Amino acid sequence: MNSRYDAVLLIGFGGPTGADEVRPFLNQVLSGRPVVRDRYEEVVRHYELMGGRSPYNEHVEKQAAALRAQLRGRKAEIPVYVGMRNWAPHLAQAVAEIALSGARRVLGFVLAPHRCEASWDRYVASVDEAIQKTGARELRIDYPSLWHDDPLFIEAWSERVRASIARLDELGQSRAEIVFTAHSIPVAMAKESRYVEQLNESSRLVAQALNWNDWSISYQSRSGDGREPWLGPELAEVLKTIGRPAIVAPIGFVCDHVEVLYDLDVEAAMVARKSGIAMVRAHTVGDHPKFIEMIASMVTSAKTD
């Protein structure tokens, strides 16, 4: 099968792979950003509790491997590369390897379903910087159109949430509320994007696919220095007042990392226990076949003349 693309670049956030990388990683991520020292040390402790590392890179590599398999199944021998904004394998390394391979037209897939300056613009800018840094100006990077409402993305999430619902007993299922969650961002940033609108649309479509009327949206992983308002309500506050079983679905993330594992599996779970409610957490889409099929379709549906 022919495609106009010579390669695919999965573009991710990145994460430390060992305890000695945690502080250098955080210094890289937070460079130039106003974050109070107590919050910095708190995040360090989160990594320590999770074994001093993040599984993020491993999950993205699994997504890349699954995508390669999908493309082979479509008779499309298109190489898939991984590049991270904040840690190895860095975007500049990936861009240099792509250029060296002789590829010229690349599908760049940013691993974030809902777009704002932090989750989209920075990634695109980082790819441009990598191209300038490596001198690979012959590369053309195309980005897919919005996919937060793609039927395959919605189907993948519906299956993840359905599996979580099944973990509740019959009474719990009849009373449960699905609480969709995403990374909080400053209100000012949200106003300059369709982040909230896209998050609401994804959540509504998943709830609709499940025929589930009781659902809400919350936010997690807030940072900053506390001087500007961020999106709310915070997940912890929702769990304190919900008064019913909660199915927490981190729809704003496409694979597990410390902000999911700690904020949900440790912190939110503790709040739920103290509040006397049952809570189950849906897995992120990760390498779910439907999600990978969506990306593969973006690659192969754009055919050459």
Protein backbone atom coordinates (compact mmCIF):
# COMPACT_ATOMS: atom_id res chain seq x y z
CA MET A 1 0.00 0.00 0.00
CA ASN A 2 1.38 3.41 -0.95
CA SER A 3 1.28 6.38 1.40
CA ARG A 4 2.48 9.92 0.94
CA TYR A 5 4.50 9.49 4.15
CA ASP A 6 8.01 8.10 4.35
CA ALA A 7 7.99 7.88 8.15
CA VAL A 8 5.92 8.44 11.29
CA LEU A 9 7.15 10.37 14.32
CA LEU A 10 5.38 9.81 17.65
CA ILE A 11 5.95 12.98 19.66
CA GLY A 12 5.78 12.64 23.43
CA PHE A 13 6.57 14.39 26.69
CA GLY A 14 9.28 12.04 27.94
CA GLY A 15 10.12 10.81 31.42
CA PRO A 16 13.05 9.77 33.63
CA THR A 17 14.04 6.13 33.44
CA GLY A 18 15.97 6.00 36.73
CA ALA A 19 16.18 7.75 40.09
CA ASP A 20 19.31 9.69 39.07
CA GLU A 21 17.39 11.25 36.18
CA VAL A 22 14.41 12.59 38.16
CA ARG A 23 15.80 15.98 39.20
CA PRO A 24 17.56 16.70 35.87
CA PHE A 25 14.31 15.78 34.12
CA LEU A 26 12.24 18.10 36.31
CA ASN A 27 14.79 20.89 35.86
CA GLN A 28 14.38 20.48 32.10
CA VAL A 29 10.59 20.45 32.25
CA LEU A 30 10.30 23.40 34.63
CA SER A 31 13.00 25.59 33.14
CA GLY A 32 11.68 29.15 33.01
CA ARG A 33 8.39 28.25 34.68
CA PRO A 34 7.25 29.63 38.05
CA VAL A 35 6.91 26.59 40.32
CA VAL A 36 7.31 26.87 44.09
CA ARG A 37 10.07 24.74 45.63
CA ASP A 38 7.66 22.78 47.84
CA ARG A 39 5.75 21.66 44.75
CA TYR A 40 9.02 20.65 43.07
CA GLU A 41 10.02 18.49 46.04
CA GLU A 42 6.54 17.03 46.23
CA VAL A 43 6.80 15.83 42.63
CA VAL A 44 10.23 14.34 43.40
CA ARG A 45 8.58 12.33 46.19
CA HIS A 46 5.92 11.15 43.77
CA TYR A 47 8.63 9.69 41.54
CA GLU A 48 10.31 8.11 44.55
CA LEU A 49 7.05 6.42 45.54
CA MET A 50 6.70 5.12 41.98
CA GLY A 51 10.12 3.49 42.09
CA GLY A 52 12.20 6.51 41.03
CA ARG A 53 11.23 6.34 37.39
CA SER A 54 8.42 6.86 34.89
CA PRO A 55 6.94 4.13 32.66
CA TYR A 56 6.01 6.77 30.08
CA ASN A 57 8.80 6.05 27.59
CA GLU A 58 8.14 2.32 27.73
CA HIS A 59 4.46 2.84 27.03
CA VAL A 60 5.20 5.07 24.04
CA GLU A 61 7.63 2.46 22.68
CA LYS A 62 4.83 -0.11 22.99
CA GLN A 63 2.56 2.22 21.02
CA ALA A 64 5.27 2.55 18.37
CA ALA A 65 5.71 -1.23 18.18
CA ALA A 66 1.97 -1.75 17.87
CA LEU A 67 1.80 0.88 15.12
CA ARG A 68 4.61 -0.80 13.19
CA ALA A 69 2.69 -4.08 13.39
CA GLN A 70 -0.53 -2.40 12.21
CA LEU A 71 1.26 -0.83 9.27
CA ARG A 72 2.88 -4.14 8.30
CA GLY A 73 -0.57 -5.69 8.37
CA ARG A 74 -1.66 -3.06 5.85
CA LYS A 75 1.38 -3.81 3.65
CA ALA A 76 2.78 -0.38 4.49
CA GLU A 77 6.44 -0.69 5.42
CA ILE A 78 6.74 2.76 6.95
CA PRO A 79 9.23 3.25 9.80
CA VAL A 80 7.97 4.62 13.11
CA TYR A 81 10.22 6.82 15.27
CA VAL A 82 9.79 8.14 18.81
CA GLY A 83 10.92 11.61 19.88
CA MET A 84 10.43 13.29 23.29
CA ARG A 85 10.35 16.98 24.17
CA ASN A 86 11.95 16.65 27.57
CA TRP A 87 14.08 13.51 27.72
CA ALA A 88 15.74 10.82 25.67
CA PRO A 89 15.08 9.82 23.00
CA HIS A 90 15.06 13.55 22.25
CA LEU A 91 13.25 15.00 19.25
CA ALA A 92 16.52 16.20 17.73
CA GLN A 93 17.87 12.64 17.79
CA ALA A 94 14.72 11.29 16.14
CA VAL A 95 14.69 14.03 13.49
CA ALA A 96 18.35 13.39 12.67
CA GLU A 97 17.69 9.65 12.27
CA ILE A 98 14.68 10.29 10.03
CA ALA A 99 16.65 12.66 7.80
CA LEU A 100 19.56 10.21 7.61
CA SER A 101 17.18 7.47 6.46
CA GLY A 102 16.30 9.51 3.38
CA ALA A 103 12.72 10.19 4.43
CA ARG A 104 11.33 13.55 3.40
CA ARG A 105 7.64 13.61 4.31
CA VAL A 106 6.70 12.62 7.84
CA LEU A 107 3.46 12.30 9.79
CA GLY A 108 4.05 13.88 13.19
CA PHE A 109 1.64 12.55 15.80
CA VAL A 110 1.55 14.50 19.06
CA LEU A 111 0.45 12.18 21.86
CA ALA A 112 -2.17 14.53 23.33
CA PRO A 113 -5.86 14.39 22.36
CA HIS A 114 -6.91 17.90 23.49
CA ARG A 115 -5.04 20.93 22.23
CA CYS A 116 -3.80 24.04 23.96
CA GLU A 117 -0.52 25.91 24.03
CA ALA A 118 1.01 23.42 26.49
CA SER A 119 -0.27 20.24 24.82
CA TRP A 120 0.12 21.23 21.17
CA ASP A 121 1.92 24.47 20.32
CA ARG A 122 4.98 23.63 22.41
CA TYR A 123 5.34 20.25 20.74
CA VAL A 124 5.11 21.63 17.22
CA ALA A 125 7.60 24.35 18.15
CA SER A 126 9.96 21.73 19.59
CA VAL A 127 9.85 19.76 16.34
CA ASP A 128 10.65 22.94 14.39
CA GLU A 129 13.57 23.62 16.76
CA ALA A 130 14.84 20.06 16.27
CA ILE A 131 14.78 20.52 12.50
CA GLN A 132 16.71 23.78 12.76
CA LYS A 133 19.18 22.27 15.22
CA THR A 134 19.93 19.25 13.05
CA GLY A 135 19.83 21.12 9.75
CA ALA A 136 17.20 18.66 8.44
CA ARG A 137 15.31 21.41 6.63
CA GLU A 138 14.36 19.07 3.81
CA LEU A 139 11.92 17.29 6.12
CA ARG A 140 8.24 18.13 5.81
CA ILE A 141 6.27 17.33 8.95
CA ASP A 142 2.51 17.02 8.54
CA TYR A 143 0.21 16.86 11.56
CA PRO A 144 -3.19 15.15 11.58
CA SER A 145 -6.40 17.05 12.05
CA LEU A 146 -8.19 16.95 15.39
CA TRP A 147 -8.83 13.40 16.61
CA HIS A 148 -10.32 13.85 20.09
CA ASP A 149 -13.69 12.86 18.59
CA ASP A 150 -12.44 10.19 16.18
CA PRO A 151 -14.77 7.13 16.36
CA LEU A 152 -11.82 4.79 16.93
CA PHE A 153 -10.49 6.91 19.79
CA ILE A 154 -13.96 6.99 21.32
CA GLU A 155 -14.35 3.24 20.87
CA ALA A 156 -11.00 2.56 22.53
CA TRP A 157 -11.94 4.70 25.50
CA SER A 158 -15.41 3.21 25.72
CA GLU A 159 -13.89 -0.25 26.00
CA ARG A 160 -11.47 0.91 28.69
CA VAL A 161 -14.27 2.45 30.74
CA ARG A 162 -16.57 -0.52 30.19
CA ALA A 163 -13.91 -2.82 31.61
CA SER A 164 -13.71 -0.63 34.71
CA ILE A 165 -17.46 -0.59 35.18
CA ALA A 166 -17.37 -4.38 35.23
CA ARG A 167 -15.10 -4.26 38.30
CA LEU A 168 -17.93 -2.81 40.39
CA ASP A 169 -20.67 -4.96 41.87
CA GLU A 170 -24.19 -4.71 40.48
CA LEU A 171 -25.30 -2.07 42.99
CA GLY A 172 -22.15 -0.05 42.40
CA GLN A 173 -22.69 -0.12 38.66
CA SER A 174 -26.24 1.14 39.01
CA ARG A 175 -25.12 4.15 41.10
CA ALA A 176 -21.72 4.96 39.62
CA GLU A 177 -20.67 8.20 38.01
CA ILE A 178 -17.96 8.35 35.36
CA VAL A 179 -15.53 11.12 36.28
CA PHE A 180 -13.44 12.05 33.26
CA THR A 181 -10.20 13.77 34.09
CA ALA A 182 -7.49 15.70 32.25
CA HIS A 183 -4.46 17.79 33.10
CA SER A 184 -5.42 21.17 34.51
CA ILE A 185 -4.04 24.24 32.75
CA PRO A 186 -4.19 27.95 33.56
CA VAL A 187 -7.60 29.48 32.85
CA ALA A 188 -5.94 32.13 30.67
CA MET A 189 -4.35 29.43 28.51
CA ALA A 190 -7.67 27.58 28.25
CA LYS A 191 -9.38 30.73 26.99
CA GLU A 192 -6.93 30.89 24.08
CA SER A 193 -7.76 27.35 22.90
CA ARG A 194 -10.55 24.81 22.50
CA TYR A 195 -9.07 22.55 25.19
CA VAL A 196 -12.14 22.51 27.43
CA GLU A 197 -14.53 22.20 24.49
CA GLN A 198 -12.60 19.24 23.06
CA LEU A 199 -12.38 17.54 26.45
CA ASN A 200 -16.13 17.91 26.91
CA GLU A 201 -16.77 16.51 23.45
CA SER A 202 -14.58 13.44 23.99
CA SER A 203 -16.21 12.74 27.35
CA ARG A 204 -19.72 13.22 26.03
CA LEU A 205 -19.11 10.84 23.13
CA VAL A 206 -17.70 8.12 25.40
CA ALA A 207 -20.60 8.46 27.82
CA GLN A 208 -23.00 8.37 24.88
CA ALA A 209 -21.36 5.20 23.50
CA LEU A 210 -21.80 3.58 26.92
CA ASN A 211 -25.36 4.91 27.28
CA TRP A 212 -24.26 6.43 30.59
CA ASN A 213 -26.04 9.53 31.82
CA ASP A 214 -24.15 10.21 35.04
CA TRP A 215 -20.79 11.70 34.16
CA SER A 216 -18.71 14.74 34.91
CA ILE A 217 -15.33 16.32 34.18
CA SER A 218 -12.58 17.18 36.63
CA TYR A 219 -8.92 18.19 36.44
CA GLN A 220 -5.71 16.94 37.99
CA SER A 221 -1.94 17.50 38.23
CA ARG A 222 -2.11 21.25 38.72
CA SER A 223 1.25 22.98 39.12
CA GLY A 224 2.31 26.62 38.90
CA ASP A 225 3.03 29.02 41.76
CA GLY A 226 -0.57 29.46 42.89
CA ARG A 227 -0.85 33.05 41.70
CA GLU A 228 -3.13 32.45 38.72
CA PRO A 229 -6.37 30.48 38.45
CA TRP A 230 -6.30 27.02 36.89
CA LEU A 231 -9.12 24.89 35.51
CA GLY A 232 -11.31 23.10 38.04
CA PRO A 233 -12.93 21.38 39.75
CA GLU A 234 -10.01 19.34 41.02
CA LEU A 235 -10.56 15.60 41.05
CA ALA A 236 -9.94 15.31 44.80
CA GLU A 237 -12.71 17.81 45.54
CA VAL A 238 -15.13 15.91 43.29
CA LEU A 239 -14.38 12.63 45.05
CA LYS A 240 -14.92 14.22 48.47
CA THR A 241 -18.46 15.28 47.57
CA ILE A 242 -19.65 12.81 44.96
CA GLY A 243 -21.30 10.42 47.45
CA ARG A 244 -21.43 7.50 45.02
CA PRO A 245 -19.06 5.02 43.31
CA ALA A 246 -16.70 6.73 40.89
CA ILE A 247 -15.19 5.43 37.67
CA VAL A 248 -12.22 7.72 37.06
CA ALA A 249 -11.32 7.90 33.37
CA PRO A 250 -8.14 9.89 32.56
CA ILE A 251 -9.27 10.72 29.05
CA GLY A 252 -6.79 13.56 28.73
CA PHE A 253 -3.84 11.14 28.74
CA VAL A 254 -2.98 8.48 26.17
CA CYS A 255 -0.66 6.38 28.34
CA ASP A 256 0.16 5.89 32.02
CA HIS A 257 2.91 7.93 33.61
CA VAL A 258 3.58 9.33 37.07
CA GLU A 259 0.89 12.01 36.83
CA VAL A 260 -1.63 9.22 36.24
CA LEU A 261 -0.13 6.58 38.51
CA TYR A 262 0.40 8.83 41.52
CA ASP A 263 -2.38 11.38 41.13
CA LEU A 264 -5.02 8.73 40.49
CA ASP A 265 -3.86 5.39 41.85
CA VAL A 266 -2.38 6.84 45.05
CA GLU A 267 -3.75 10.28 45.83
CA ALA A 268 -7.27 10.03 44.37
CA ALA A 269 -7.65 6.46 45.64
CA MET A 270 -6.77 7.65 49.16
CA VAL A 271 -9.32 10.48 48.96
CA ALA A 272 -11.98 8.00 47.80
CA ARG A 273 -11.23 5.66 50.72
CA LYS A 274 -11.42 8.51 53.24
CA SER A 275 -14.68 9.63 51.65
CA GLY A 276 -16.13 6.13 51.93
CA ILE A 277 -16.78 5.59 48.24
CA ALA A 278 -15.71 2.89 45.81
CA MET A 279 -13.39 4.10 43.07
CA VAL A 280 -12.05 2.27 40.03
CA ARG A 281 -9.64 3.77 37.54
CA ALA A 282 -9.89 3.11 33.82
CA HIS A 283 -6.68 2.32 31.98
CA THR A 284 -5.49 4.89 29.48
CA VAL A 285 -5.85 3.93 25.81
CA GLY A 286 -2.15 3.06 25.54
CA ASP A 287 -1.67 0.50 22.80
CA HIS A 288 -5.36 -0.38 22.55
CA PRO A 289 -5.87 -1.82 19.04
CA LYS A 290 -8.53 0.74 18.14
CA PHE A 291 -6.31 3.67 19.09
CA ILE A 292 -3.40 2.25 17.13
CA GLU A 293 -5.73 1.56 14.21
CA MET A 294 -6.72 5.22 14.25
CA ILE A 295 -3.10 6.34 13.89
CA ALA A 296 -2.39 3.73 11.20
CA SER A 297 -5.41 4.95 9.25
CA MET A 298 -4.05 8.49 9.33
CA VAL A 299 -0.83 7.21 7.79
CA THR A 300 -2.30 4.98 5.07
CA SER A 301 -5.38 6.97 4.11
CA ALA A 302 -3.17 9.73 2.72
CA LYS A 303 -2.17 8.00 -0.51
CA THR A 304 0.21 9.15 -3.18
CA ASP A 305 -1.13 10.02 -6.62
